[in-house]
Amino acid sequence: MKSEEDVKPISYVKANANKVLMQVRETSRPMYITQNGTAKAVILDLKSYENMKNAIAMIKILQLAEKDAEEGQGTPQDQVFEDIEEKRAWLKK
């Protein structure tokens, strides 16, 4: 949810870069940057950016897995668990 303090014109960002970075870092909310009244960019804190990248990667992996399942590819679940149990038993020896 965007609040007024999370939307700033580019001129504000140029003049107050330190304040902008501090706000983004402290609130973990993105800041939307406008130019000529139109949203043009978003500033995120590093942790939020990394979390977003990881979430996108997981979604891509899930999409590939769903595609493989639809095409009948991959290993059946029962076989996966059987393989895990075999490896686990081997490690205990």
N, C-alpha and C. Protein backbone atom coordinates (compact mmCIF):
# COMPACT_ATOMS: atom_id res chain seq x y z
N MET A 1 0.85 -1.17 0.00
CA MET A 1 0.00 0.00 0.00
C MET A 1 0.89 1.24 0.00
N LYS A 2 0.71 2.08 -0.97
CA LYS A 2 1.52 3.29 -1.08
C LYS A 2 0.95 4.39 -0.20
N SER A 3 1.82 4.99 0.61
CA SER A 3 1.40 6.18 1.35
C SER A 3 2.09 7.37 0.70
N GLU A 4 1.66 8.55 1.04
CA GLU A 4 2.24 9.75 0.43
C GLU A 4 3.74 9.84 0.68
N GLU A 5 4.18 9.37 1.82
CA GLU A 5 5.62 9.46 2.11
C GLU A 5 6.44 8.46 1.31
N ASP A 6 5.78 7.51 0.66
CA ASP A 6 6.48 6.51 -0.16
C ASP A 6 6.53 6.89 -1.64
N VAL A 7 5.99 8.03 -2.01
CA VAL A 7 6.02 8.50 -3.39
C VAL A 7 6.71 9.85 -3.41
N LYS A 8 7.82 9.93 -4.14
CA LYS A 8 8.60 11.17 -4.17
C LYS A 8 9.01 11.49 -5.61
N PRO A 9 9.07 12.77 -5.93
CA PRO A 9 9.57 13.16 -7.25
C PRO A 9 11.09 12.98 -7.31
N ILE A 10 11.61 12.80 -8.50
CA ILE A 10 13.04 12.60 -8.69
C ILE A 10 13.85 13.76 -8.12
N SER A 11 13.31 14.97 -8.18
CA SER A 11 14.04 16.13 -7.63
C SER A 11 14.24 15.98 -6.13
N TYR A 12 13.25 15.42 -5.42
CA TYR A 12 13.39 15.19 -3.98
C TYR A 12 14.48 14.15 -3.72
N VAL A 13 14.49 13.10 -4.51
CA VAL A 13 15.49 12.04 -4.34
C VAL A 13 16.90 12.59 -4.56
N LYS A 14 17.05 13.40 -5.61
CA LYS A 14 18.36 13.99 -5.89
C LYS A 14 18.84 14.86 -4.73
N ALA A 15 17.94 15.63 -4.16
CA ALA A 15 18.31 16.57 -3.10
C ALA A 15 18.43 15.91 -1.72
N ASN A 16 17.79 14.74 -1.56
CA ASN A 16 17.72 14.11 -0.24
C ASN A 16 18.05 12.62 -0.29
N ALA A 17 19.05 12.26 -1.03
CA ALA A 17 19.38 10.84 -1.22
C ALA A 17 19.59 10.12 0.11
N ASN A 18 20.29 10.72 1.04
CA ASN A 18 20.54 10.08 2.32
C ASN A 18 19.24 9.81 3.08
N LYS A 19 18.34 10.80 3.11
CA LYS A 19 17.04 10.63 3.78
C LYS A 19 16.23 9.51 3.12
N VAL A 20 16.26 9.49 1.79
CA VAL A 20 15.51 8.47 1.05
C VAL A 20 16.02 7.08 1.42
N LEU A 21 17.33 6.90 1.37
CA LEU A 21 17.90 5.59 1.71
C LEU A 21 17.61 5.21 3.15
N MET A 22 17.68 6.15 4.06
CA MET A 22 17.38 5.87 5.46
C MET A 22 15.92 5.44 5.63
N GLN A 23 15.01 6.15 4.98
CA GLN A 23 13.58 5.81 5.08
C GLN A 23 13.31 4.41 4.53
N VAL A 24 13.86 4.12 3.36
CA VAL A 24 13.64 2.81 2.74
C VAL A 24 14.23 1.71 3.62
N ARG A 25 15.41 1.94 4.15
CA ARG A 25 16.07 0.95 5.01
C ARG A 25 15.30 0.74 6.31
N GLU A 26 14.85 1.82 6.95
CA GLU A 26 14.17 1.71 8.24
C GLU A 26 12.76 1.14 8.14
N THR A 27 12.04 1.48 7.07
CA THR A 27 10.65 1.03 6.95
C THR A 27 10.50 -0.28 6.19
N SER A 28 11.51 -0.64 5.41
CA SER A 28 11.45 -1.82 4.52
C SER A 28 10.32 -1.70 3.51
N ARG A 29 9.85 -0.48 3.28
CA ARG A 29 8.82 -0.25 2.26
C ARG A 29 9.51 0.34 1.03
N PRO A 30 9.00 0.01 -0.14
CA PRO A 30 9.59 0.59 -1.35
C PRO A 30 9.24 2.07 -1.46
N MET A 31 10.10 2.81 -2.14
CA MET A 31 9.81 4.22 -2.44
C MET A 31 9.61 4.32 -3.95
N TYR A 32 8.52 4.93 -4.35
CA TYR A 32 8.18 5.11 -5.76
C TYR A 32 8.65 6.48 -6.20
N ILE A 33 9.42 6.50 -7.27
CA ILE A 33 10.00 7.74 -7.76
C ILE A 33 9.23 8.19 -8.99
N THR A 34 8.82 9.44 -8.99
CA THR A 34 8.08 9.98 -10.12
C THR A 34 8.94 10.97 -10.90
N GLN A 35 8.60 11.08 -12.18
CA GLN A 35 9.23 12.08 -13.05
C GLN A 35 8.11 12.69 -13.87
N ASN A 36 7.97 13.98 -13.80
CA ASN A 36 6.88 14.68 -14.47
C ASN A 36 5.52 14.10 -14.09
N GLY A 37 5.39 13.72 -12.81
CA GLY A 37 4.12 13.23 -12.29
C GLY A 37 3.79 11.79 -12.60
N THR A 38 4.70 11.08 -13.25
CA THR A 38 4.47 9.68 -13.62
C THR A 38 5.47 8.79 -12.90
N ALA A 39 5.00 7.68 -12.34
CA ALA A 39 5.90 6.74 -11.67
C ALA A 39 6.90 6.18 -12.68
N LYS A 40 8.18 6.24 -12.31
CA LYS A 40 9.24 5.79 -13.22
C LYS A 40 10.16 4.74 -12.62
N ALA A 41 10.29 4.70 -11.28
CA ALA A 41 11.23 3.76 -10.67
C ALA A 41 10.79 3.45 -9.24
N VAL A 42 11.42 2.41 -8.69
CA VAL A 42 11.16 2.00 -7.32
C VAL A 42 12.50 1.77 -6.64
N ILE A 43 12.63 2.24 -5.41
CA ILE A 43 13.81 1.98 -4.61
C ILE A 43 13.42 1.01 -3.50
N LEU A 44 14.19 -0.08 -3.39
CA LEU A 44 13.94 -1.09 -2.36
C LEU A 44 15.16 -1.22 -1.46
N ASP A 45 14.92 -1.63 -0.20
CA ASP A 45 16.07 -1.96 0.63
C ASP A 45 16.61 -3.31 0.17
N LEU A 46 17.86 -3.58 0.47
CA LEU A 46 18.54 -4.76 -0.05
C LEU A 46 17.85 -6.06 0.36
N LYS A 47 17.43 -6.17 1.60
CA LYS A 47 16.79 -7.40 2.08
C LYS A 47 15.49 -7.67 1.32
N SER A 48 14.68 -6.65 1.12
CA SER A 48 13.43 -6.81 0.37
C SER A 48 13.71 -7.21 -1.07
N TYR A 49 14.73 -6.62 -1.67
CA TYR A 49 15.10 -6.95 -3.04
C TYR A 49 15.54 -8.41 -3.15
N GLU A 50 16.39 -8.86 -2.21
CA GLU A 50 16.85 -10.25 -2.23
C GLU A 50 15.67 -11.20 -2.01
N ASN A 51 14.76 -10.87 -1.09
CA ASN A 51 13.58 -11.71 -0.87
C ASN A 51 12.72 -11.80 -2.13
N MET A 52 12.58 -10.69 -2.82
CA MET A 52 11.79 -10.68 -4.05
C MET A 52 12.45 -11.55 -5.13
N LYS A 53 13.77 -11.42 -5.28
CA LYS A 53 14.50 -12.24 -6.25
C LYS A 53 14.34 -13.72 -5.94
N ASN A 54 14.46 -14.08 -4.66
CA ASN A 54 14.31 -15.48 -4.26
C ASN A 54 12.90 -15.99 -4.51
N ALA A 55 11.90 -15.17 -4.25
CA ALA A 55 10.51 -15.57 -4.49
C ALA A 55 10.27 -15.80 -5.98
N ILE A 56 10.81 -14.94 -6.82
CA ILE A 56 10.66 -15.11 -8.27
C ILE A 56 11.35 -16.39 -8.73
N ALA A 57 12.53 -16.67 -8.19
CA ALA A 57 13.24 -17.90 -8.55
C ALA A 57 12.43 -19.12 -8.15
N MET A 58 11.83 -19.10 -6.96
CA MET A 58 11.01 -20.23 -6.52
C MET A 58 9.79 -20.42 -7.41
N ILE A 59 9.17 -19.33 -7.83
CA ILE A 59 8.02 -19.43 -8.72
C ILE A 59 8.43 -20.06 -10.04
N LYS A 60 9.58 -19.67 -10.57
CA LYS A 60 10.07 -20.25 -11.83
C LYS A 60 10.32 -21.74 -11.67
N ILE A 61 10.92 -22.15 -10.54
CA ILE A 61 11.17 -23.57 -10.29
C ILE A 61 9.85 -24.33 -10.22
N LEU A 62 8.86 -23.76 -9.53
CA LEU A 62 7.55 -24.42 -9.44
C LEU A 62 6.88 -24.55 -10.81
N GLN A 63 7.01 -23.51 -11.63
CA GLN A 63 6.44 -23.57 -12.98
C GLN A 63 7.09 -24.69 -13.80
N LEU A 64 8.41 -24.81 -13.70
CA LEU A 64 9.10 -25.88 -14.42
C LEU A 64 8.68 -27.25 -13.91
N ALA A 65 8.54 -27.37 -12.59
CA ALA A 65 8.11 -28.65 -12.00
C ALA A 65 6.70 -29.01 -12.45
N GLU A 66 5.80 -28.02 -12.48
CA GLU A 66 4.43 -28.27 -12.94
C GLU A 66 4.43 -28.71 -14.40
N LYS A 67 5.25 -28.08 -15.21
CA LYS A 67 5.34 -28.43 -16.62
C LYS A 67 5.85 -29.87 -16.77
N ASP A 68 6.89 -30.21 -16.03
CA ASP A 68 7.41 -31.58 -16.07
C ASP A 68 6.35 -32.58 -15.65
N ALA A 69 5.60 -32.28 -14.60
CA ALA A 69 4.56 -33.18 -14.12
C ALA A 69 3.46 -33.36 -15.18
N GLU A 70 3.08 -32.27 -15.82
CA GLU A 70 2.05 -32.34 -16.87
C GLU A 70 2.51 -33.20 -18.04
N GLU A 71 3.81 -33.16 -18.31
CA GLU A 71 4.37 -33.93 -19.43
C GLU A 71 4.79 -35.33 -19.01
N GLY A 72 4.51 -35.70 -17.76
CA GLY A 72 4.83 -37.04 -17.29
C GLY A 72 6.31 -37.25 -17.02
N GLN A 73 7.05 -36.18 -16.90
CA GLN A 73 8.48 -36.29 -16.61
C GLN A 73 8.72 -36.19 -15.11
N GLY A 74 9.91 -36.52 -14.69
CA GLY A 74 10.25 -36.43 -13.28
C GLY A 74 10.22 -37.79 -12.62
N THR A 75 10.42 -37.78 -11.31
CA THR A 75 10.45 -39.01 -10.53
C THR A 75 9.22 -39.06 -9.64
N PRO A 76 8.53 -40.20 -9.62
CA PRO A 76 7.35 -40.31 -8.75
C PRO A 76 7.72 -40.09 -7.28
N GLN A 77 6.82 -39.52 -6.54
CA GLN A 77 7.05 -39.18 -5.14
C GLN A 77 7.49 -40.40 -4.33
N ASP A 78 6.83 -41.53 -4.52
CA ASP A 78 7.18 -42.73 -3.77
C ASP A 78 8.63 -43.11 -4.00
N GLN A 79 9.09 -42.98 -5.23
CA GLN A 79 10.48 -43.32 -5.55
C GLN A 79 11.45 -42.35 -4.87
N VAL A 80 11.10 -41.08 -4.84
CA VAL A 80 11.96 -40.09 -4.18
C VAL A 80 12.13 -40.43 -2.71
N PHE A 81 11.03 -40.73 -2.00
CA PHE A 81 11.11 -41.05 -0.59
C PHE A 81 11.86 -42.36 -0.35
N GLU A 82 11.68 -43.31 -1.23
CA GLU A 82 12.41 -44.58 -1.13
C GLU A 82 13.91 -44.34 -1.27
N ASP A 83 14.29 -43.51 -2.23
CA ASP A 83 15.70 -43.19 -2.43
C ASP A 83 16.29 -42.49 -1.20
N ILE A 84 15.52 -41.60 -0.62
CA ILE A 84 15.98 -40.88 0.58
C ILE A 84 16.20 -41.86 1.73
N GLU A 85 15.26 -42.76 1.91
CA GLU A 85 15.39 -43.74 3.00
C GLU A 85 16.60 -44.64 2.78
N GLU A 86 16.86 -45.03 1.54
CA GLU A 86 18.02 -45.87 1.25
C GLU A 86 19.32 -45.11 1.57
N LYS A 87 19.40 -43.86 1.18
CA LYS A 87 20.60 -43.06 1.45
C LYS A 87 20.76 -42.82 2.94
N ARG A 88 19.66 -42.61 3.62
CA ARG A 88 19.71 -42.38 5.06
C ARG A 88 20.21 -43.62 5.78
N ALA A 89 19.71 -44.78 5.36
CA ALA A 89 20.14 -46.05 5.97
C ALA A 89 21.63 -46.26 5.70
N TRP A 90 22.09 -45.92 4.52
CA TRP A 90 23.51 -46.07 4.17
C TRP A 90 24.38 -45.18 5.04
N LEU A 91 23.91 -43.97 5.33
CA LEU A 91 24.69 -43.04 6.15
C LEU A 91 24.79 -43.50 7.60
N LYS A 92 23.80 -44.23 8.08
CA LYS A 92 23.81 -44.69 9.46
C LYS A 92 24.80 -45.84 9.70
N LYS A 93 25.22 -46.48 8.62
CA LYS A 93 26.13 -47.63 8.75
C LYS A 93 27.49 -47.22 9.21
